[in-house]
Amino acid sequence: APLSNVSYVTQWQVWHKPYVREMLSEVERRAPEGVHWPLAVLASVASGYEEQGFSEYTMYATWLLARRRQQVLLVSSRDYPWLRDPP
């Protein structure tokens, strides 16, 4: 699970198609037979937490950190601040 004090929802995030395919294949392998990844992801949300939504950014970042850590470069927003609603 991601750290509770970290958000991987960013202004931008680089996605590598081969890794995305690998991640989605893993999701389907772990799902019941015949369940494709979109339904498997939705079914993984714990009961009572549906209102929190789903973050593809967090899913991909968490998967990368667990499977391809050497390919990840995290940059702190403290180092590169940005305004959500610039003037």
C-alpha atoms as a PDB file:
ATOM      1  CA  ALA A   1       0.000   0.000   0.000  1.00  0.00           C
ATOM      2  CA  PRO A   2       1.189   3.538  -0.660  1.00  0.00           C
ATOM      3  CA  LEU A   3       2.450   5.644   2.198  1.00  0.00           C
ATOM      4  CA  SER A   4      -0.353   7.633   3.800  1.00  0.00           C
ATOM      5  CA  ASN A   5       1.592  10.915   3.645  1.00  0.00           C
ATOM      6  CA  VAL A   6       2.461  10.647  -0.075  1.00  0.00           C
ATOM      7  CA  SER A   7       0.352  11.424  -3.107  1.00  0.00           C
ATOM      8  CA  TYR A   8       1.230  10.072  -6.516  1.00  0.00           C
ATOM      9  CA  VAL A   9      -1.477  12.190  -8.140  1.00  0.00           C
ATOM     10  CA  THR A  10       0.646  14.750  -9.924  1.00  0.00           C
ATOM     11  CA  GLN A  11       0.602  17.309 -12.695  1.00  0.00           C
ATOM     12  CA  TRP A  12       2.259  14.713 -14.880  1.00  0.00           C
ATOM     13  CA  GLN A  13       3.601  11.189 -14.691  1.00  0.00           C
ATOM     14  CA  VAL A  14       5.553   9.222 -17.281  1.00  0.00           C
ATOM     15  CA  TRP A  15       3.944   5.908 -18.225  1.00  0.00           C
ATOM     16  CA  HIS A  16       5.930   3.211 -20.020  1.00  0.00           C
ATOM     17  CA  LYS A  17       3.556   1.110 -22.162  1.00  0.00           C
ATOM     18  CA  PRO A  18       5.343  -2.217 -21.621  1.00  0.00           C
ATOM     19  CA  TYR A  19       5.136  -1.713 -17.836  1.00  0.00           C
ATOM     20  CA  VAL A  20       1.478  -0.734 -18.046  1.00  0.00           C
ATOM     21  CA  ARG A  21       0.740  -3.902 -20.016  1.00  0.00           C
ATOM     22  CA  GLU A  22       2.690  -5.945 -17.468  1.00  0.00           C
ATOM     23  CA  MET A  23       0.781  -4.343 -14.584  1.00  0.00           C
ATOM     24  CA  LEU A  24      -2.621  -4.920 -16.199  1.00  0.00           C
ATOM     25  CA  SER A  25      -1.700  -8.526 -16.998  1.00  0.00           C
ATOM     26  CA  GLU A  26      -0.813  -9.038 -13.352  1.00  0.00           C
ATOM     27  CA  VAL A  27      -4.131  -7.545 -12.266  1.00  0.00           C
ATOM     28  CA  GLU A  28      -5.977  -9.980 -14.540  1.00  0.00           C
ATOM     29  CA  ARG A  29      -3.893 -12.971 -13.368  1.00  0.00           C
ATOM     30  CA  ARG A  30      -4.830 -12.181  -9.765  1.00  0.00           C
ATOM     31  CA  ALA A  31      -8.535 -11.709 -10.569  1.00  0.00           C
ATOM     32  CA  PRO A  32     -11.087 -14.517 -10.792  1.00  0.00           C
ATOM     33  CA  GLU A  33     -10.965 -16.307 -14.142  1.00  0.00           C
ATOM     34  CA  GLY A  34     -12.607 -14.365 -16.951  1.00  0.00           C
ATOM     35  CA  VAL A  35     -12.557 -11.020 -15.109  1.00  0.00           C
ATOM     36  CA  HIS A  36     -10.738  -8.380 -17.133  1.00  0.00           C
ATOM     37  CA  TRP A  37      -8.623  -5.718 -15.463  1.00  0.00           C
ATOM     38  CA  PRO A  38     -11.182  -2.840 -15.392  1.00  0.00           C
ATOM     39  CA  LEU A  39     -13.680  -4.913 -13.416  1.00  0.00           C
ATOM     40  CA  ALA A  40     -10.923  -6.435 -11.288  1.00  0.00           C
ATOM     41  CA  VAL A  41      -9.745  -2.953 -10.288  1.00  0.00           C
ATOM     42  CA  LEU A  42     -13.261  -1.818  -9.418  1.00  0.00           C
ATOM     43  CA  ALA A  43     -13.909  -5.007  -7.444  1.00  0.00           C
ATOM     44  CA  SER A  44     -10.744  -4.458  -5.405  1.00  0.00           C
ATOM     45  CA  VAL A  45     -12.127  -1.361  -3.678  1.00  0.00           C
ATOM     46  CA  ALA A  46     -12.968  -2.305  -0.106  1.00  0.00           C
ATOM     47  CA  SER A  47     -16.568  -2.038   0.942  1.00  0.00           C
ATOM     48  CA  GLY A  48     -17.245   1.343   2.533  1.00  0.00           C
ATOM     49  CA  TYR A  49     -14.443   3.085   0.601  1.00  0.00           C
ATOM     50  CA  GLU A  50     -16.174   3.504  -2.756  1.00  0.00           C
ATOM     51  CA  GLU A  51     -16.579   7.267  -2.252  1.00  0.00           C
ATOM     52  CA  GLN A  52     -12.809   7.774  -2.107  1.00  0.00           C
ATOM     53  CA  GLY A  53     -12.538   7.017  -5.798  1.00  0.00           C
ATOM     54  CA  PHE A  54      -9.749   5.362  -7.727  1.00  0.00           C
ATOM     55  CA  SER A  55      -6.395   6.776  -8.770  1.00  0.00           C
ATOM     56  CA  GLU A  56      -4.664   5.288 -11.787  1.00  0.00           C
ATOM     57  CA  TYR A  57      -1.647   7.433 -10.850  1.00  0.00           C
ATOM     58  CA  THR A  58      -1.435   5.783  -7.427  1.00  0.00           C
ATOM     59  CA  MET A  59      -2.015   2.316  -8.860  1.00  0.00           C
ATOM     60  CA  TYR A  60       0.775   2.671 -11.412  1.00  0.00           C
ATOM     61  CA  ALA A  61       3.220   4.365  -9.023  1.00  0.00           C
ATOM     62  CA  THR A  62       2.625   1.789  -6.294  1.00  0.00           C
ATOM     63  CA  TRP A  63       3.034  -1.079  -8.745  1.00  0.00           C
ATOM     64  CA  LEU A  64       6.246   0.442 -10.161  1.00  0.00           C
ATOM     65  CA  LEU A  65       7.736   0.964  -6.717  1.00  0.00           C
ATOM     66  CA  ALA A  66       7.042  -2.678  -5.866  1.00  0.00           C
ATOM     67  CA  ARG A  67       8.135  -4.236  -9.181  1.00  0.00           C
ATOM     68  CA  ARG A  68      10.476  -1.796 -10.963  1.00  0.00           C
ATOM     69  CA  ARG A  69      11.915   0.383  -8.210  1.00  0.00           C
ATOM     70  CA  GLN A  70      15.117   1.043 -10.146  1.00  0.00           C
ATOM     71  CA  GLN A  71      13.044   2.743 -12.870  1.00  0.00           C
ATOM     72  CA  VAL A  72      11.389   5.252 -10.516  1.00  0.00           C
ATOM     73  CA  LEU A  73      12.556   8.760  -9.746  1.00  0.00           C
ATOM     74  CA  LEU A  74      10.348  10.471  -7.185  1.00  0.00           C
ATOM     75  CA  VAL A  75      10.512  14.245  -7.042  1.00  0.00           C
ATOM     76  CA  SER A  76       9.175  16.050  -4.012  1.00  0.00           C
ATOM     77  CA  SER A  77       6.753  18.914  -4.472  1.00  0.00           C
ATOM     78  CA  ARG A  78       8.813  20.693  -1.818  1.00  0.00           C
ATOM     79  CA  ASP A  79      11.646  20.783  -4.352  1.00  0.00           C
ATOM     80  CA  TYR A  80       9.425  21.879  -7.240  1.00  0.00           C
ATOM     81  CA  PRO A  81       6.391  23.695  -5.856  1.00  0.00           C
ATOM     82  CA  TRP A  82       3.494  24.402  -8.173  1.00  0.00           C
ATOM     83  CA  LEU A  83       0.219  26.228  -7.880  1.00  0.00           C
ATOM     84  CA  ARG A  84      -2.967  24.254  -8.446  1.00  0.00           C
ATOM     85  CA  ASP A  85      -4.793  27.475  -9.333  1.00  0.00           C
ATOM     86  CA  PRO A  86      -2.210  29.923 -10.661  1.00  0.00           C
ATOM     87  CA  PRO A  87      -3.077  33.652 -10.622  1.00  0.00           C
END
